Amino acid sequence: MTATKIIADTQFKTPPEALGLDHPVVEDGAAIWRIARDSRALDLNSSYSYLLWCRDFARSSVVARGEDGEPVGFVTGYVRPDRPHTLVVWQVAVDDGHRGRGLAGAMLDGLVRRLAASGIRELETTITPDNAASIRLFTSFGARHGAQVEREVLFDGGLFPDGHQSEVLYRIGPLPA
């Protein structure tokens, strides 16, 4: 697979490295797990789950690759089985050395642009109320695409057995075709 170059947008600072967007492959699972672990913000899943994600949900996910071909960021997502026009974004993370350059937004934009051909017209994600960076990322995504952003509590904190905060559902759409 060849990576598609990120096209610099006036909305983003141009990344200094030659980064590309690509589908993840199973061999990316370990690097994606490490990026998630090192983010210190994401709920870390097992390394096994990242390998499965790279195998079973590669079409609805994206990795950003550095010049050496190694992942420096990722977005994992899936198409909701009961709403086939809806992409659910599970996790977004960027390696520490590549943060602050608009890479997360570029990955989201590239993934949605790619999936638009298969009928994706809406994006959903959940965010805890204290995750200001993700709130900014997804509200600015909605604004860039001229889409409405609706919010509602999806899973109240009391449902979690481990003291987890409530997860607020962000539903963004309709997205341009």
C-alpha atoms as a PDB file:
ATOM      1  CA  MET A   1       0.000   0.000   0.000  1.00  0.00           C
ATOM      2  CA  THR A   2       1.222   3.477  -0.736  1.00  0.00           C
ATOM      3  CA  ALA A   3       0.511   6.369   1.553  1.00  0.00           C
ATOM      4  CA  THR A   4      -1.387   9.378   0.292  1.00  0.00           C
ATOM      5  CA  LYS A   5       0.390  12.626   1.067  1.00  0.00           C
ATOM      6  CA  ILE A   6      -1.423  14.985   3.400  1.00  0.00           C
ATOM      7  CA  ILE A   7      -2.361  18.042   1.390  1.00  0.00           C
ATOM      8  CA  ALA A   8      -1.588  21.146   3.395  1.00  0.00           C
ATOM      9  CA  ASP A   9      -4.762  23.046   4.179  1.00  0.00           C
ATOM     10  CA  THR A  10      -4.928  26.625   5.338  1.00  0.00           C
ATOM     11  CA  GLN A  11      -6.611  25.256   8.477  1.00  0.00           C
ATOM     12  CA  PHE A  12      -3.453  23.355   9.473  1.00  0.00           C
ATOM     13  CA  LYS A  13       0.181  24.139  10.033  1.00  0.00           C
ATOM     14  CA  THR A  14       2.138  22.236   7.395  1.00  0.00           C
ATOM     15  CA  PRO A  15       3.815  19.268   9.095  1.00  0.00           C
ATOM     16  CA  PRO A  16       7.608  19.582   8.695  1.00  0.00           C
ATOM     17  CA  GLU A  17       8.009  15.871   7.977  1.00  0.00           C
ATOM     18  CA  ALA A  18       6.734  14.241   4.813  1.00  0.00           C
ATOM     19  CA  LEU A  19       3.760  12.495   6.398  1.00  0.00           C
ATOM     20  CA  GLY A  20       1.271  10.308   4.588  1.00  0.00           C
ATOM     21  CA  LEU A  21      -2.129   8.852   5.378  1.00  0.00           C
ATOM     22  CA  ASP A  22      -2.620   5.146   4.910  1.00  0.00           C
ATOM     23  CA  HIS A  23      -4.778   2.197   5.929  1.00  0.00           C
ATOM     24  CA  PRO A  24      -3.338   0.435   8.965  1.00  0.00           C
ATOM     25  CA  VAL A  25      -2.020  -3.090   8.537  1.00  0.00           C
ATOM     26  CA  VAL A  26      -1.622  -5.740  11.238  1.00  0.00           C
ATOM     27  CA  GLU A  27       2.082  -4.933  11.537  1.00  0.00           C
ATOM     28  CA  ASP A  28       1.088  -1.409  12.695  1.00  0.00           C
ATOM     29  CA  GLY A  29      -0.785  -2.740  15.729  1.00  0.00           C
ATOM     30  CA  ALA A  30       2.167  -2.607  18.142  1.00  0.00           C
ATOM     31  CA  ALA A  31       3.089   0.959  17.160  1.00  0.00           C
ATOM     32  CA  ILE A  32      -0.541   2.083  17.459  1.00  0.00           C
ATOM     33  CA  TRP A  33      -0.762   0.479  20.903  1.00  0.00           C
ATOM     34  CA  ARG A  34       2.419   2.333  21.973  1.00  0.00           C
ATOM     35  CA  ILE A  35       1.079   5.677  20.681  1.00  0.00           C
ATOM     36  CA  ALA A  36      -2.189   5.100  22.598  1.00  0.00           C
ATOM     37  CA  ARG A  37      -0.282   4.123  25.760  1.00  0.00           C
ATOM     38  CA  ASP A  38       2.050   7.100  25.545  1.00  0.00           C
ATOM     39  CA  SER A  39      -0.828   9.550  24.990  1.00  0.00           C
ATOM     40  CA  ARG A  40      -1.684   9.285  28.701  1.00  0.00           C
ATOM     41  CA  ALA A  41      -5.204  10.413  27.724  1.00  0.00           C
ATOM     42  CA  LEU A  42      -6.783   7.383  26.064  1.00  0.00           C
ATOM     43  CA  ASP A  43      -8.278   4.331  27.701  1.00  0.00           C
ATOM     44  CA  LEU A  44      -5.622   1.800  26.735  1.00  0.00           C
ATOM     45  CA  ASN A  45      -6.967  -1.405  25.209  1.00  0.00           C
ATOM     46  CA  SER A  46      -4.989  -4.649  25.073  1.00  0.00           C
ATOM     47  CA  SER A  47      -2.249  -4.897  22.457  1.00  0.00           C
ATOM     48  CA  TYR A  48      -4.255  -7.782  20.987  1.00  0.00           C
ATOM     49  CA  SER A  49      -7.225  -5.478  20.352  1.00  0.00           C
ATOM     50  CA  TYR A  50      -5.060  -3.072  18.327  1.00  0.00           C
ATOM     51  CA  LEU A  51      -3.852  -5.966  16.164  1.00  0.00           C
ATOM     52  CA  LEU A  52      -7.477  -7.004  15.578  1.00  0.00           C
ATOM     53  CA  TRP A  53      -8.450  -3.411  14.834  1.00  0.00           C
ATOM     54  CA  CYS A  54      -5.741  -3.178  12.170  1.00  0.00           C
ATOM     55  CA  ARG A  55      -7.016  -6.400  10.611  1.00  0.00           C
ATOM     56  CA  ASP A  56     -10.799  -6.052  10.892  1.00  0.00           C
ATOM     57  CA  PHE A  57     -11.372  -2.292  10.776  1.00  0.00           C
ATOM     58  CA  ALA A  58      -8.521  -1.088   8.558  1.00  0.00           C
ATOM     59  CA  ARG A  59     -10.953   0.312   5.975  1.00  0.00           C
ATOM     60  CA  SER A  60     -12.557   2.619   8.553  1.00  0.00           C
ATOM     61  CA  SER A  61      -9.294   3.620  10.249  1.00  0.00           C
ATOM     62  CA  VAL A  62      -6.194   5.566   9.248  1.00  0.00           C
ATOM     63  CA  VAL A  63      -2.549   5.876  10.236  1.00  0.00           C
ATOM     64  CA  ALA A  64      -0.216   8.767   9.575  1.00  0.00           C
ATOM     65  CA  ARG A  65       3.231   7.572   8.599  1.00  0.00           C
ATOM     66  CA  GLY A  66       6.534   9.359   8.977  1.00  0.00           C
ATOM     67  CA  GLU A  67       9.237   9.322   6.323  1.00  0.00           C
ATOM     68  CA  ASP A  68      10.449   5.978   7.670  1.00  0.00           C
ATOM     69  CA  GLY A  69       6.982   4.475   7.134  1.00  0.00           C
ATOM     70  CA  GLU A  70       6.309   4.034  10.848  1.00  0.00           C
ATOM     71  CA  PRO A  71       3.000   5.212  12.325  1.00  0.00           C
ATOM     72  CA  VAL A  72       3.128   8.599  14.073  1.00  0.00           C
ATOM     73  CA  GLY A  73      -0.618   8.937  14.580  1.00  0.00           C
ATOM     74  CA  PHE A  74      -3.854   7.043  14.088  1.00  0.00           C
ATOM     75  CA  VAL A  75      -7.622   7.210  14.042  1.00  0.00           C
ATOM     76  CA  THR A  76      -9.516   3.998  14.718  1.00  0.00           C
ATOM     77  CA  GLY A  77     -13.124   3.826  13.663  1.00  0.00           C
ATOM     78  CA  TYR A  78     -15.896   1.546  12.505  1.00  0.00           C
ATOM     79  CA  VAL A  79     -19.132   1.859  10.593  1.00  0.00           C
ATOM     80  CA  ARG A  80     -22.143   1.370  12.874  1.00  0.00           C
ATOM     81  CA  PRO A  81     -23.906  -1.848  11.837  1.00  0.00           C
ATOM     82  CA  ASP A  82     -27.360  -0.381  12.463  1.00  0.00           C
ATOM     83  CA  ARG A  83     -26.500   2.998  10.866  1.00  0.00           C
ATOM     84  CA  PRO A  84     -24.322   2.247   7.815  1.00  0.00           C
ATOM     85  CA  HIS A  85     -23.977   5.957   6.986  1.00  0.00           C
ATOM     86  CA  THR A  86     -22.315   6.636  10.374  1.00  0.00           C
ATOM     87  CA  LEU A  87     -18.602   6.388  11.178  1.00  0.00           C
ATOM     88  CA  VAL A  88     -17.867   5.904  14.878  1.00  0.00           C
ATOM     89  CA  VAL A  89     -14.435   7.213  15.795  1.00  0.00           C
ATOM     90  CA  TRP A  90     -13.079   5.090  18.617  1.00  0.00           C
ATOM     91  CA  GLN A  91      -9.664   6.639  19.285  1.00  0.00           C
ATOM     92  CA  VAL A  92      -7.448   9.406  17.914  1.00  0.00           C
ATOM     93  CA  ALA A  93      -3.831   9.797  18.965  1.00  0.00           C
ATOM     94  CA  VAL A  94      -0.690  11.469  17.691  1.00  0.00           C
ATOM     95  CA  ASP A  95       2.854  10.639  18.768  1.00  0.00           C
ATOM     96  CA  ASP A  96       4.221  13.248  21.151  1.00  0.00           C
ATOM     97  CA  GLY A  97       6.810  14.570  18.659  1.00  0.00           C
ATOM     98  CA  HIS A  98       4.130  15.281  16.047  1.00  0.00           C
ATOM     99  CA  ARG A  99       1.487  17.014  18.188  1.00  0.00           C
ATOM    100  CA  GLY A 100       0.390  20.594  17.667  1.00  0.00           C
ATOM    101  CA  ARG A 101       0.656  20.494  13.876  1.00  0.00           C
ATOM    102  CA  GLY A 102      -2.924  19.727  12.902  1.00  0.00           C
ATOM    103  CA  LEU A 103      -2.248  16.059  12.231  1.00  0.00           C
ATOM    104  CA  ALA A 104      -5.277  14.741  14.160  1.00  0.00           C
ATOM    105  CA  GLY A 105      -7.593  17.010  12.157  1.00  0.00           C
ATOM    106  CA  ALA A 106      -5.906  16.061   8.888  1.00  0.00           C
ATOM    107  CA  MET A 107      -6.337  12.357   9.680  1.00  0.00           C
ATOM    108  CA  LEU A 108     -10.037  12.824  10.496  1.00  0.00           C
ATOM    109  CA  ASP A 109     -10.601  14.872   7.340  1.00  0.00           C
ATOM    110  CA  GLY A 110      -8.754  12.343   5.168  1.00  0.00           C
ATOM    111  CA  LEU A 111     -10.616   9.374   6.641  1.00  0.00           C
ATOM    112  CA  VAL A 112     -14.047  10.967   6.229  1.00  0.00           C
ATOM    113  CA  ARG A 113     -13.191  12.103   2.690  1.00  0.00           C
ATOM    114  CA  ARG A 114     -12.184   8.526   1.822  1.00  0.00           C
ATOM    115  CA  LEU A 115     -15.333   7.021   3.377  1.00  0.00           C
ATOM    116  CA  ALA A 116     -17.721   9.541   1.781  1.00  0.00           C
ATOM    117  CA  ALA A 117     -17.664   7.430  -1.395  1.00  0.00           C
ATOM    118  CA  SER A 118     -19.134   4.535   0.595  1.00  0.00           C
ATOM    119  CA  GLY A 119     -21.985   6.655   1.951  1.00  0.00           C
ATOM    120  CA  ILE A 120     -20.651   7.970   5.270  1.00  0.00           C
ATOM    121  CA  ARG A 121     -22.602  11.147   6.075  1.00  0.00           C
ATOM    122  CA  GLU A 122     -22.297  11.322   9.849  1.00  0.00           C
ATOM    123  CA  LEU A 123     -19.559  10.937  12.456  1.00  0.00           C
ATOM    124  CA  GLU A 124     -20.030   9.887  16.068  1.00  0.00           C
ATOM    125  CA  THR A 125     -17.567   9.782  18.914  1.00  0.00           C
ATOM    126  CA  THR A 126     -17.694   9.891  22.692  1.00  0.00           C
ATOM    127  CA  ILE A 127     -15.639  12.239  24.823  1.00  0.00           C
ATOM    128  CA  THR A 128     -15.316  12.610  28.580  1.00  0.00           C
ATOM    129  CA  PRO A 129     -16.125  16.143  29.806  1.00  0.00           C
ATOM    130  CA  ASP A 130     -12.526  16.779  30.934  1.00  0.00           C
ATOM    131  CA  ASN A 131     -10.929  16.010  27.531  1.00  0.00           C
ATOM    132  CA  ALA A 132     -10.587  19.568  26.211  1.00  0.00           C
ATOM    133  CA  ALA A 133      -8.285  18.577  23.335  1.00  0.00           C
ATOM    134  CA  SER A 134     -10.792  16.077  21.908  1.00  0.00           C
ATOM    135  CA  ILE A 135     -13.674  18.490  22.381  1.00  0.00           C
ATOM    136  CA  ARG A 136     -11.735  21.105  20.358  1.00  0.00           C
ATOM    137  CA  LEU A 137     -10.768  18.537  17.711  1.00  0.00           C
ATOM    138  CA  PHE A 138     -14.308  17.342  17.043  1.00  0.00           C
ATOM    139  CA  THR A 139     -16.074  20.698  17.331  1.00  0.00           C
ATOM    140  CA  SER A 140     -13.564  22.237  14.914  1.00  0.00           C
ATOM    141  CA  PHE A 141     -14.057  19.234  12.591  1.00  0.00           C
ATOM    142  CA  GLY A 142     -17.801  19.973  12.567  1.00  0.00           C
ATOM    143  CA  ALA A 143     -17.187  23.670  11.879  1.00  0.00           C
ATOM    144  CA  ARG A 144     -14.757  22.941   9.006  1.00  0.00           C
ATOM    145  CA  HIS A 145     -17.354  20.721   7.367  1.00  0.00           C
ATOM    146  CA  GLY A 146     -20.323  23.000   8.020  1.00  0.00           C
ATOM    147  CA  ALA A 147     -21.960  20.224  10.026  1.00  0.00           C
ATOM    148  CA  GLN A 148     -24.147  20.397  13.095  1.00  0.00           C
ATOM    149  CA  VAL A 149     -22.611  19.073  16.333  1.00  0.00           C
ATOM    150  CA  GLU A 150     -25.115  17.508  18.739  1.00  0.00           C
ATOM    151  CA  ARG A 151     -24.114  16.384  22.233  1.00  0.00           C
ATOM    152  CA  GLU A 152     -25.811  14.100  24.749  1.00  0.00           C
ATOM    153  CA  VAL A 153     -24.635  11.795  27.505  1.00  0.00           C
ATOM    154  CA  LEU A 154     -24.402   8.308  26.009  1.00  0.00           C
ATOM    155  CA  PHE A 155     -23.053   6.409  29.017  1.00  0.00           C
ATOM    156  CA  ASP A 156     -23.520   7.956  32.428  1.00  0.00           C
ATOM    157  CA  GLY A 157     -20.551   7.547  34.747  1.00  0.00           C
ATOM    158  CA  GLY A 158     -22.670   5.417  37.086  1.00  0.00           C
ATOM    159  CA  LEU A 159     -22.812   2.658  34.454  1.00  0.00           C
ATOM    160  CA  PHE A 160     -19.063   2.082  34.640  1.00  0.00           C
ATOM    161  CA  PRO A 161     -17.815  -0.324  37.325  1.00  0.00           C
ATOM    162  CA  ASP A 162     -14.471   1.478  37.663  1.00  0.00           C
ATOM    163  CA  GLY A 163     -15.317   5.122  38.389  1.00  0.00           C
ATOM    164  CA  HIS A 164     -15.031   6.163  34.738  1.00  0.00           C
ATOM    165  CA  GLN A 165     -16.447   9.570  33.828  1.00  0.00           C
ATOM    166  CA  SER A 166     -19.587   9.903  31.738  1.00  0.00           C
ATOM    167  CA  GLU A 167     -19.051   9.541  27.997  1.00  0.00           C
ATOM    168  CA  VAL A 168     -20.721  12.311  25.991  1.00  0.00           C
ATOM    169  CA  LEU A 169     -21.819  11.372  22.481  1.00  0.00           C
ATOM    170  CA  TYR A 170     -20.876  13.878  19.783  1.00  0.00           C
ATOM    171  CA  ARG A 171     -22.952  13.356  16.627  1.00  0.00           C
ATOM    172  CA  ILE A 172     -21.608  15.422  13.729  1.00  0.00           C
ATOM    173  CA  GLY A 173     -23.483  15.743  10.456  1.00  0.00           C
ATOM    174  CA  PRO A 174     -24.658  15.804   7.877  1.00  0.00           C
ATOM    175  CA  LEU A 175     -21.229  15.697   6.253  1.00  0.00           C
ATOM    176  CA  PRO A 176     -20.707  16.777   2.646  1.00  0.00           C
ATOM    177  CA  ALA A 177     -20.857  14.023   0.027  1.00  0.00           C
END
